[in-house]
Amino acid sequence: MIKIGKIKIGGGNPLVLIAGPCVVESREMVFRTAEQIQKIAKKHRIPFIFKASYKKANRTSGKSFSTLGMEESLAILADVKKEFNVPILTDIHSEIEVEVAAEVADILQIPAFLCRQTELLQAAGQTGKVVNIKKGQFMAPEDMKHQAQKVEMTGNKKIMLTERGASFGYHNLIVDMRSLTIMRKLGYPVILDATHSVQLPGGGKNETGGQPEFIFPIARAGVAAGLDGLFIETHPDPKRALSDSASQLKLSMLESLVKQVVSIDNIVKEKFGI
């Protein structure tokens, strides 16, 4: 079990919602999104952590939007943290970014394609912050123990593991629900990223495609299988999003999803003790 302020993740505690836009696009959009998510989270009594990347280092095309600038984006996230009194999760991509990002973020996230990068994992661990390691699309769930151990070598045991789909041929991902159980048995809280899981990598013309119609069933199935947290990228107008426009959940649909998964989580944990 991990504690971030009053939020408890794992150990049979209620499902935690990690939600926000893929990347910081503007101050106005980020604040509007954070405000709406917080209202939904409070209404349905689900602990909420705000997520947004200050930079998207892994893009399909070199012409794709990457960042407003690290300093400006982190300043916006710092203001969100202060204004809404909510923990912040953001990605890191290299060791030189870690210290600066850790000044703002409560959770440092290791992107899936970087999950085996030993020096990055250890730099994140040395901050003492919670480290969320996304399971690479090329990784077996049981092998994530080695990546977690790289962080633990720094003395930091505040580790979460996130499922985001596995490569299934070209331009497709699939979520193997067995991986949730396998990774939980490793002893760390497990999160399901139900939005990146519906991506079609490289499936667009110059961008990643997606099938957002499957976000709801994947999220429901994951929570039913037993989860500690649900990761959802959401945007007021996904079609206009500067990153992952094909896989983000429309913000107006988030409350319906939260209502459904909270109900399932209550049944799973209270009646079955999963």
C-alpha atoms as a PDB file:
ATOM      1  CA  MET A   1       0.000   0.000   0.000  1.00  0.00           C
ATOM      2  CA  ILE A   2       1.215   3.492  -0.900  1.00  0.00           C
ATOM      3  CA  LYS A   3       0.126   6.761   0.685  1.00  0.00           C
ATOM      4  CA  ILE A   4       0.110  10.116  -1.085  1.00  0.00           C
ATOM      5  CA  GLY A   5      -1.285  12.605   1.382  1.00  0.00           C
ATOM      6  CA  LYS A   6      -4.670  11.184   2.369  1.00  0.00           C
ATOM      7  CA  ILE A   7      -4.871   8.904  -0.667  1.00  0.00           C
ATOM      8  CA  LYS A   8      -4.145   5.206  -0.116  1.00  0.00           C
ATOM      9  CA  ILE A   9      -3.351   3.079  -3.149  1.00  0.00           C
ATOM     10  CA  GLY A  10      -3.469  -0.710  -2.885  1.00  0.00           C
ATOM     11  CA  GLY A  11      -3.910  -2.913   0.132  1.00  0.00           C
ATOM     12  CA  GLY A  12      -7.612  -3.399  -0.531  1.00  0.00           C
ATOM     13  CA  ASN A  13      -8.354   0.322  -0.479  1.00  0.00           C
ATOM     14  CA  PRO A  14     -10.944   1.823  -2.854  1.00  0.00           C
ATOM     15  CA  LEU A  15     -10.114   2.350  -6.504  1.00  0.00           C
ATOM     16  CA  VAL A  16      -8.084   5.485  -7.246  1.00  0.00           C
ATOM     17  CA  LEU A  17      -8.723   7.594 -10.360  1.00  0.00           C
ATOM     18  CA  ILE A  18      -5.673   8.920 -12.217  1.00  0.00           C
ATOM     19  CA  ALA A  19      -7.018  11.222 -14.902  1.00  0.00           C
ATOM     20  CA  GLY A  20      -6.240  14.237 -17.052  1.00  0.00           C
ATOM     21  CA  PRO A  21      -5.224  15.192 -20.577  1.00  0.00           C
ATOM     22  CA  CYS A  22      -2.398  13.481 -22.414  1.00  0.00           C
ATOM     23  CA  VAL A  23      -0.202  16.583 -22.458  1.00  0.00           C
ATOM     24  CA  VAL A  24      -0.267  20.154 -21.156  1.00  0.00           C
ATOM     25  CA  GLU A  25      -1.674  22.058 -24.144  1.00  0.00           C
ATOM     26  CA  SER A  26      -2.625  25.312 -22.428  1.00  0.00           C
ATOM     27  CA  ARG A  27      -3.268  26.630 -18.945  1.00  0.00           C
ATOM     28  CA  GLU A  28      -6.961  27.177 -19.663  1.00  0.00           C
ATOM     29  CA  MET A  29      -7.570  23.631 -20.952  1.00  0.00           C
ATOM     30  CA  VAL A  30      -5.656  21.993 -18.105  1.00  0.00           C
ATOM     31  CA  PHE A  31      -7.473  23.984 -15.408  1.00  0.00           C
ATOM     32  CA  ARG A  32     -10.878  23.383 -16.993  1.00  0.00           C
ATOM     33  CA  THR A  33     -10.211  19.660 -17.185  1.00  0.00           C
ATOM     34  CA  ALA A  34      -8.862  19.398 -13.630  1.00  0.00           C
ATOM     35  CA  GLU A  35     -11.862  21.288 -12.243  1.00  0.00           C
ATOM     36  CA  GLN A  36     -14.358  19.016 -13.974  1.00  0.00           C
ATOM     37  CA  ILE A  37     -12.587  15.801 -12.974  1.00  0.00           C
ATOM     38  CA  GLN A  38     -12.402  16.926  -9.357  1.00  0.00           C
ATOM     39  CA  LYS A  39     -16.155  17.617  -9.295  1.00  0.00           C
ATOM     40  CA  ILE A  40     -16.827  14.117 -10.632  1.00  0.00           C
ATOM     41  CA  ALA A  41     -14.375  12.507  -8.193  1.00  0.00           C
ATOM     42  CA  LYS A  42     -15.924  14.265  -5.188  1.00  0.00           C
ATOM     43  CA  LYS A  43     -19.467  13.419  -6.283  1.00  0.00           C
ATOM     44  CA  HIS A  44     -18.646   9.716  -6.596  1.00  0.00           C
ATOM     45  CA  ARG A  45     -16.189   9.638  -3.674  1.00  0.00           C
ATOM     46  CA  ILE A  46     -13.237   8.331  -5.610  1.00  0.00           C
ATOM     47  CA  PRO A  47      -9.697   9.492  -4.740  1.00  0.00           C
ATOM     48  CA  PHE A  48      -8.287  11.559  -7.600  1.00  0.00           C
ATOM     49  CA  ILE A  49      -4.758  12.144  -8.923  1.00  0.00           C
ATOM     50  CA  PHE A  50      -4.312  14.579 -11.808  1.00  0.00           C
ATOM     51  CA  LYS A  51      -2.106  13.488 -14.716  1.00  0.00           C
ATOM     52  CA  ALA A  52      -0.653  15.337 -17.669  1.00  0.00           C
ATOM     53  CA  SER A  53       2.672  15.132 -19.441  1.00  0.00           C
ATOM     54  CA  TYR A  54       4.832  18.269 -19.587  1.00  0.00           C
ATOM     55  CA  LYS A  55       6.368  16.776 -22.723  1.00  0.00           C
ATOM     56  CA  LYS A  56       5.559  13.951 -25.114  1.00  0.00           C
ATOM     57  CA  ALA A  57       8.922  12.546 -26.117  1.00  0.00           C
ATOM     58  CA  ASN A  58       7.552   9.517 -27.971  1.00  0.00           C
ATOM     59  CA  ARG A  59       5.622  10.697 -31.048  1.00  0.00           C
ATOM     60  CA  THR A  60       4.741   8.887 -34.249  1.00  0.00           C
ATOM     61  CA  SER A  61       5.884  11.811 -36.403  1.00  0.00           C
ATOM     62  CA  GLY A  62       8.620  14.364 -35.860  1.00  0.00           C
ATOM     63  CA  LYS A  63       6.059  17.024 -36.809  1.00  0.00           C
ATOM     64  CA  SER A  64       3.716  16.131 -33.928  1.00  0.00           C
ATOM     65  CA  PHE A  65       3.236  18.500 -30.975  1.00  0.00           C
ATOM     66  CA  SER A  66       5.600  17.730 -28.119  1.00  0.00           C
ATOM     67  CA  THR A  67       5.500  20.475 -25.479  1.00  0.00           C
ATOM     68  CA  LEU A  68       4.830  24.103 -24.624  1.00  0.00           C
ATOM     69  CA  GLY A  69       8.204  23.951 -22.944  1.00  0.00           C
ATOM     70  CA  MET A  70       9.208  21.994 -19.873  1.00  0.00           C
ATOM     71  CA  GLU A  71       9.411  25.012 -17.563  1.00  0.00           C
ATOM     72  CA  GLU A  72       6.054  26.477 -18.607  1.00  0.00           C
ATOM     73  CA  SER A  73       4.242  23.136 -18.496  1.00  0.00           C
ATOM     74  CA  LEU A  74       5.581  22.203 -15.068  1.00  0.00           C
ATOM     75  CA  ALA A  75       4.608  25.658 -13.776  1.00  0.00           C
ATOM     76  CA  ILE A  76       1.036  25.025 -14.957  1.00  0.00           C
ATOM     77  CA  LEU A  77       1.000  21.632 -13.219  1.00  0.00           C
ATOM     78  CA  ALA A  78       2.338  23.229 -10.035  1.00  0.00           C
ATOM     79  CA  ASP A  79      -0.528  25.731 -10.136  1.00  0.00           C
ATOM     80  CA  VAL A  80      -3.067  22.920 -10.651  1.00  0.00           C
ATOM     81  CA  LYS A  81      -1.637  21.149  -7.607  1.00  0.00           C
ATOM     82  CA  LYS A  82      -2.003  24.285  -5.495  1.00  0.00           C
ATOM     83  CA  GLU A  83      -5.398  25.393  -6.816  1.00  0.00           C
ATOM     84  CA  PHE A  84      -7.158  22.034  -6.541  1.00  0.00           C
ATOM     85  CA  ASN A  85      -5.083  20.469  -3.742  1.00  0.00           C
ATOM     86  CA  VAL A  86      -4.566  17.346  -5.832  1.00  0.00           C
ATOM     87  CA  PRO A  87      -1.494  15.115  -6.332  1.00  0.00           C
ATOM     88  CA  ILE A  88       0.236  15.307  -9.710  1.00  0.00           C
ATOM     89  CA  LEU A  89       1.501  12.473 -11.945  1.00  0.00           C
ATOM     90  CA  THR A  90       3.713  13.218 -14.937  1.00  0.00           C
ATOM     91  CA  ASP A  91       6.117  11.345 -17.235  1.00  0.00           C
ATOM     92  CA  ILE A  92       9.885  11.586 -17.186  1.00  0.00           C
ATOM     93  CA  HIS A  93      12.064  10.642 -20.136  1.00  0.00           C
ATOM     94  CA  SER A  94      15.709  11.046 -19.134  1.00  0.00           C
ATOM     95  CA  GLU A  95      17.784  11.317 -15.969  1.00  0.00           C
ATOM     96  CA  ILE A  96      18.373  15.034 -16.476  1.00  0.00           C
ATOM     97  CA  GLU A  97      14.616  15.713 -16.262  1.00  0.00           C
ATOM     98  CA  VAL A  98      14.049  13.816 -13.027  1.00  0.00           C
ATOM     99  CA  GLU A  99      15.103  16.366 -10.423  1.00  0.00           C
ATOM    100  CA  VAL A 100      13.154  19.231 -11.985  1.00  0.00           C
ATOM    101  CA  ALA A 101       9.993  17.152 -12.512  1.00  0.00           C
ATOM    102  CA  ALA A 102      10.192  15.842  -8.936  1.00  0.00           C
ATOM    103  CA  GLU A 103       9.867  19.397  -7.611  1.00  0.00           C
ATOM    104  CA  VAL A 104       6.265  19.381  -8.867  1.00  0.00           C
ATOM    105  CA  ALA A 105       5.149  15.767  -9.282  1.00  0.00           C
ATOM    106  CA  ASP A 106       4.045  13.432  -6.512  1.00  0.00           C
ATOM    107  CA  ILE A 107       4.299  10.471  -8.884  1.00  0.00           C
ATOM    108  CA  LEU A 108       7.022  10.116 -11.508  1.00  0.00           C
ATOM    109  CA  GLN A 109       5.874   7.934 -14.377  1.00  0.00           C
ATOM    110  CA  ILE A 110       8.211   5.807 -16.478  1.00  0.00           C
ATOM    111  CA  PRO A 111       6.811   5.532 -20.027  1.00  0.00           C
ATOM    112  CA  ALA A 112       6.232   2.030 -21.364  1.00  0.00           C
ATOM    113  CA  PHE A 113       8.984   2.146 -23.982  1.00  0.00           C
ATOM    114  CA  LEU A 114      11.474   3.234 -21.279  1.00  0.00           C
ATOM    115  CA  CYS A 115      10.497   0.723 -18.599  1.00  0.00           C
ATOM    116  CA  ARG A 116      13.792  -1.202 -18.844  1.00  0.00           C
ATOM    117  CA  GLN A 117      16.031   1.876 -18.637  1.00  0.00           C
ATOM    118  CA  THR A 118      17.978   1.139 -15.460  1.00  0.00           C
ATOM    119  CA  GLU A 119      19.493   4.588 -14.914  1.00  0.00           C
ATOM    120  CA  LEU A 120      16.138   6.313 -15.444  1.00  0.00           C
ATOM    121  CA  LEU A 121      14.395   3.980 -12.993  1.00  0.00           C
ATOM    122  CA  GLN A 122      17.068   4.479 -10.377  1.00  0.00           C
ATOM    123  CA  ALA A 123      17.140   8.251 -10.814  1.00  0.00           C
ATOM    124  CA  ALA A 124      13.384   8.288 -10.243  1.00  0.00           C
ATOM    125  CA  GLY A 125      13.737   6.057  -7.189  1.00  0.00           C
ATOM    126  CA  GLN A 126      16.383   8.311  -5.662  1.00  0.00           C
ATOM    127  CA  THR A 127      13.918  11.208  -5.484  1.00  0.00           C
ATOM    128  CA  GLY A 128      11.860   9.354  -2.895  1.00  0.00           C
ATOM    129  CA  LYS A 129       8.712  10.044  -4.912  1.00  0.00           C
ATOM    130  CA  VAL A 130       6.225   7.361  -5.928  1.00  0.00           C
ATOM    131  CA  VAL A 131       7.374   5.740  -9.179  1.00  0.00           C
ATOM    132  CA  ASN A 132       4.755   4.425 -11.600  1.00  0.00           C
ATOM    133  CA  ILE A 133       6.296   2.030 -14.117  1.00  0.00           C
ATOM    134  CA  LYS A 134       4.259   1.389 -17.232  1.00  0.00           C
ATOM    135  CA  LYS A 135       4.643  -2.155 -18.513  1.00  0.00           C
ATOM    136  CA  GLY A 136       6.182  -2.112 -21.962  1.00  0.00           C
ATOM    137  CA  GLN A 137       4.052  -3.437 -24.801  1.00  0.00           C
ATOM    138  CA  PHE A 138       6.852  -5.967 -25.304  1.00  0.00           C
ATOM    139  CA  MET A 139       7.062  -7.123 -21.659  1.00  0.00           C
ATOM    140  CA  ALA A 140       5.658 -10.179 -19.894  1.00  0.00           C
ATOM    141  CA  PRO A 141       3.905  -9.107 -16.673  1.00  0.00           C
ATOM    142  CA  GLU A 142       6.035 -11.351 -14.428  1.00  0.00           C
ATOM    143  CA  ASP A 143       9.208  -9.708 -15.789  1.00  0.00           C
ATOM    144  CA  MET A 144       8.154  -6.367 -14.338  1.00  0.00           C
ATOM    145  CA  LYS A 145       9.569  -7.554 -11.006  1.00  0.00           C
ATOM    146  CA  HIS A 146      13.047  -6.794 -12.355  1.00  0.00           C
ATOM    147  CA  GLN A 147      12.100  -3.231 -13.244  1.00  0.00           C
ATOM    148  CA  ALA A 148      10.547  -2.664  -9.817  1.00  0.00           C
ATOM    149  CA  GLN A 149      13.667  -4.056  -8.171  1.00  0.00           C
ATOM    150  CA  LYS A 150      15.802  -1.462  -9.956  1.00  0.00           C
ATOM    151  CA  VAL A 151      13.828   1.221  -8.127  1.00  0.00           C
ATOM    152  CA  GLU A 152      13.931  -0.698  -4.836  1.00  0.00           C
ATOM    153  CA  MET A 153      17.740  -0.792  -5.057  1.00  0.00           C
ATOM    154  CA  THR A 154      17.641   2.935  -4.236  1.00  0.00           C
ATOM    155  CA  GLY A 155      15.760   2.229  -0.994  1.00  0.00           C
ATOM    156  CA  ASN A 156      12.475   3.457  -2.464  1.00  0.00           C
ATOM    157  CA  LYS A 157       9.639   0.918  -2.273  1.00  0.00           C
ATOM    158  CA  LYS A 158       6.889   3.304  -3.347  1.00  0.00           C
ATOM    159  CA  ILE A 159       6.258   1.631  -6.686  1.00  0.00           C
ATOM    160  CA  MET A 160       3.183   1.104  -8.865  1.00  0.00           C
ATOM    161  CA  LEU A 161       2.905  -0.993 -12.034  1.00  0.00           C
ATOM    162  CA  THR A 162       0.629  -0.040 -14.910  1.00  0.00           C
ATOM    163  CA  GLU A 163      -0.838  -2.263 -17.619  1.00  0.00           C
ATOM    164  CA  ARG A 164      -1.368  -0.493 -20.974  1.00  0.00           C
ATOM    165  CA  GLY A 165      -1.785  -3.316 -23.436  1.00  0.00           C
ATOM    166  CA  ALA A 166       0.606  -5.671 -25.200  1.00  0.00           C
ATOM    167  CA  SER A 167       1.608  -5.687 -28.869  1.00  0.00           C
ATOM    168  CA  PHE A 168      -0.686  -7.943 -30.878  1.00  0.00           C
ATOM    169  CA  GLY A 169       0.670  -8.058 -34.384  1.00  0.00           C
ATOM    170  CA  TYR A 170       1.175  -4.760 -36.187  1.00  0.00           C
ATOM    171  CA  HIS A 171      -0.756  -1.611 -35.218  1.00  0.00           C
ATOM    172  CA  ASN A 172      -2.727  -3.265 -32.440  1.00  0.00           C
ATOM    173  CA  LEU A 173      -2.712  -3.772 -28.671  1.00  0.00           C
ATOM    174  CA  ILE A 174      -4.602  -6.156 -26.452  1.00  0.00           C
ATOM    175  CA  VAL A 175      -5.087  -6.214 -22.678  1.00  0.00           C
ATOM    176  CA  ASP A 176      -4.510  -9.631 -21.142  1.00  0.00           C
ATOM    177  CA  MET A 177      -6.467  -9.436 -17.887  1.00  0.00           C
ATOM    178  CA  ARG A 178      -4.239 -12.151 -16.421  1.00  0.00           C
ATOM    179  CA  SER A 179      -1.440  -9.601 -16.280  1.00  0.00           C
ATOM    180  CA  LEU A 180      -3.310  -7.625 -13.600  1.00  0.00           C
ATOM    181  CA  THR A 181      -3.347 -10.616 -11.269  1.00  0.00           C
ATOM    182  CA  ILE A 182       0.233 -11.573 -12.095  1.00  0.00           C
ATOM    183  CA  MET A 183       1.592  -8.089 -11.368  1.00  0.00           C
ATOM    184  CA  ARG A 184      -0.436  -7.704  -8.179  1.00  0.00           C
ATOM    185  CA  LYS A 185       1.167 -10.914  -6.907  1.00  0.00           C
ATOM    186  CA  LEU A 186       4.538  -9.172  -7.240  1.00  0.00           C
ATOM    187  CA  GLY A 187       3.469  -7.060  -4.263  1.00  0.00           C
ATOM    188  CA  TYR A 188       2.865  -3.649  -5.855  1.00  0.00           C
ATOM    189  CA  PRO A 189      -0.330  -1.670  -6.518  1.00  0.00           C
ATOM    190  CA  VAL A 190      -1.502  -2.227 -10.085  1.00  0.00           C
ATOM    191  CA  ILE A 191      -3.077   0.377 -12.334  1.00  0.00           C
ATOM    192  CA  LEU A 192      -4.888  -0.142 -15.647  1.00  0.00           C
ATOM    193  CA  ASP A 193      -4.438   2.471 -18.352  1.00  0.00           C
ATOM    194  CA  ALA A 194      -7.702   1.974 -20.212  1.00  0.00           C
ATOM    195  CA  THR A 195      -7.017   4.703 -22.778  1.00  0.00           C
ATOM    196  CA  HIS A 196      -3.548   3.874 -24.093  1.00  0.00           C
ATOM    197  CA  SER A 197      -4.791   0.278 -24.220  1.00  0.00           C
ATOM    198  CA  VAL A 198      -7.163   1.167 -27.055  1.00  0.00           C
ATOM    199  CA  GLN A 199      -4.445   2.712 -29.213  1.00  0.00           C
ATOM    200  CA  LEU A 200      -3.553   1.444 -32.666  1.00  0.00           C
ATOM    201  CA  PRO A 201       0.185   2.298 -32.691  1.00  0.00           C
ATOM    202  CA  GLY A 202       1.171   3.800 -36.002  1.00  0.00           C
ATOM    203  CA  GLY A 203      -2.325   3.030 -37.234  1.00  0.00           C
ATOM    204  CA  GLY A 204      -3.032   6.594 -38.353  1.00  0.00           C
ATOM    205  CA  LYS A 205      -1.522   8.413 -41.294  1.00  0.00           C
ATOM    206  CA  ASN A 206       1.096  10.329 -39.314  1.00  0.00           C
ATOM    207  CA  GLU A 207      -0.176   9.578 -35.843  1.00  0.00           C
ATOM    208  CA  THR A 208      -1.299   6.791 -33.543  1.00  0.00           C
ATOM    209  CA  GLY A 209      -4.836   5.597 -34.148  1.00  0.00           C
ATOM    210  CA  GLY A 210      -7.310   4.381 -31.577  1.00  0.00           C
ATOM    211  CA  GLN A 211     -10.629   2.745 -30.763  1.00  0.00           C
ATOM    212  CA  PRO A 212     -12.083   4.786 -27.874  1.00  0.00           C
ATOM    213  CA  GLU A 213     -15.347   2.841 -28.031  1.00  0.00           C
ATOM    214  CA  PHE A 214     -13.530   0.091 -26.119  1.00  0.00           C
ATOM    215  CA  ILE A 215     -12.443   2.274 -23.171  1.00  0.00           C
ATOM    216  CA  PHE A 216     -15.595   1.477 -21.167  1.00  0.00           C
ATOM    217  CA  PRO A 217     -15.541  -2.328 -21.544  1.00  0.00           C
ATOM    218  CA  ILE A 218     -11.784  -2.549 -20.893  1.00  0.00           C
ATOM    219  CA  ALA A 219     -12.102  -0.373 -17.790  1.00  0.00           C
ATOM    220  CA  ARG A 220     -15.059  -2.368 -16.454  1.00  0.00           C
ATOM    221  CA  ALA A 221     -13.334  -5.683 -17.086  1.00  0.00           C
ATOM    222  CA  GLY A 222     -10.115  -4.521 -15.433  1.00  0.00           C
ATOM    223  CA  VAL A 223     -11.848  -3.272 -12.304  1.00  0.00           C
ATOM    224  CA  ALA A 224     -13.812  -6.528 -12.105  1.00  0.00           C
ATOM    225  CA  ALA A 225     -10.529  -8.456 -12.308  1.00  0.00           C
ATOM    226  CA  GLY A 226      -9.165  -6.493  -9.366  1.00  0.00           C
ATOM    227  CA  LEU A 227      -7.376  -3.152  -9.609  1.00  0.00           C
ATOM    228  CA  ASP A 228      -5.897  -0.531  -7.333  1.00  0.00           C
ATOM    229  CA  GLY A 229      -6.237   2.362  -9.752  1.00  0.00           C
ATOM    230  CA  LEU A 230      -7.667   3.330 -13.122  1.00  0.00           C
ATOM    231  CA  PHE A 231      -5.707   5.594 -15.484  1.00  0.00           C
ATOM    232  CA  ILE A 232      -7.786   7.609 -17.954  1.00  0.00           C
ATOM    233  CA  GLU A 233      -6.625  10.253 -20.377  1.00  0.00           C
ATOM    234  CA  THR A 234      -9.500  12.648 -20.931  1.00  0.00           C
ATOM    235  CA  HIS A 235      -9.931  15.839 -22.937  1.00  0.00           C
ATOM    236  CA  PRO A 236     -12.797  18.311 -23.430  1.00  0.00           C
ATOM    237  CA  ASP A 237     -12.608  17.777 -27.190  1.00  0.00           C
ATOM    238  CA  PRO A 238     -10.430  14.764 -28.109  1.00  0.00           C
ATOM    239  CA  LYS A 239     -10.643  15.440 -31.845  1.00  0.00           C
ATOM    240  CA  ARG A 240      -8.820  18.723 -31.244  1.00  0.00           C
ATOM    241  CA  ALA A 241      -6.283  17.251 -28.802  1.00  0.00           C
ATOM    242  CA  LEU A 242      -2.659  17.886 -29.716  1.00  0.00           C
ATOM    243  CA  SER A 243      -1.658  14.351 -28.664  1.00  0.00           C
ATOM    244  CA  ASP A 244      -3.445  10.982 -28.637  1.00  0.00           C
ATOM    245  CA  SER A 245      -6.592  12.485 -30.133  1.00  0.00           C
ATOM    246  CA  ALA A 246      -7.804   9.039 -31.210  1.00  0.00           C
ATOM    247  CA  SER A 247      -7.670   7.400 -27.797  1.00  0.00           C
ATOM    248  CA  GLN A 248      -8.577  10.003 -25.172  1.00  0.00           C
ATOM    249  CA  LEU A 249     -11.994   9.825 -23.515  1.00  0.00           C
ATOM    250  CA  LYS A 250     -14.272  12.792 -24.066  1.00  0.00           C
ATOM    251  CA  LEU A 251     -14.506  14.650 -20.757  1.00  0.00           C
ATOM    252  CA  SER A 252     -18.304  14.702 -20.888  1.00  0.00           C
ATOM    253  CA  MET A 253     -18.275  10.868 -20.769  1.00  0.00           C
ATOM    254  CA  LEU A 254     -16.006  10.553 -17.735  1.00  0.00           C
ATOM    255  CA  GLU A 255     -18.711  10.725 -15.076  1.00  0.00           C
ATOM    256  CA  SER A 256     -20.588   7.800 -16.599  1.00  0.00           C
ATOM    257  CA  LEU A 257     -17.414   5.716 -16.612  1.00  0.00           C
ATOM    258  CA  VAL A 258     -16.523   6.653 -13.034  1.00  0.00           C
ATOM    259  CA  LYS A 259     -20.022   5.778 -11.818  1.00  0.00           C
ATOM    260  CA  GLN A 260     -19.787   2.339 -13.415  1.00  0.00           C
ATOM    261  CA  VAL A 261     -16.288   1.435 -12.203  1.00  0.00           C
ATOM    262  CA  VAL A 262     -16.917   2.646  -8.634  1.00  0.00           C
ATOM    263  CA  SER A 263     -19.948   0.353  -8.438  1.00  0.00           C
ATOM    264  CA  ILE A 264     -17.938  -2.591  -9.738  1.00  0.00           C
ATOM    265  CA  ASP A 265     -15.015  -1.847  -7.417  1.00  0.00           C
ATOM    266  CA  ASN A 266     -17.320  -1.784  -4.387  1.00  0.00           C
ATOM    267  CA  ILE A 267     -18.700  -5.205  -5.247  1.00  0.00           C
ATOM    268  CA  VAL A 268     -15.307  -6.735  -6.023  1.00  0.00           C
ATOM    269  CA  LYS A 269     -13.609  -5.511  -2.845  1.00  0.00           C
ATOM    270  CA  GLU A 270     -16.464  -5.699  -0.363  1.00  0.00           C
ATOM    271  CA  LYS A 271     -18.021  -8.998  -1.447  1.00  0.00           C
ATOM    272  CA  PHE A 272     -15.109 -10.902  -2.905  1.00  0.00           C
ATOM    273  CA  GLY A 273     -12.093  -9.313  -1.231  1.00  0.00           C
ATOM    274  CA  ILE A 274     -10.162  -9.110  -4.498  1.00  0.00           C
END
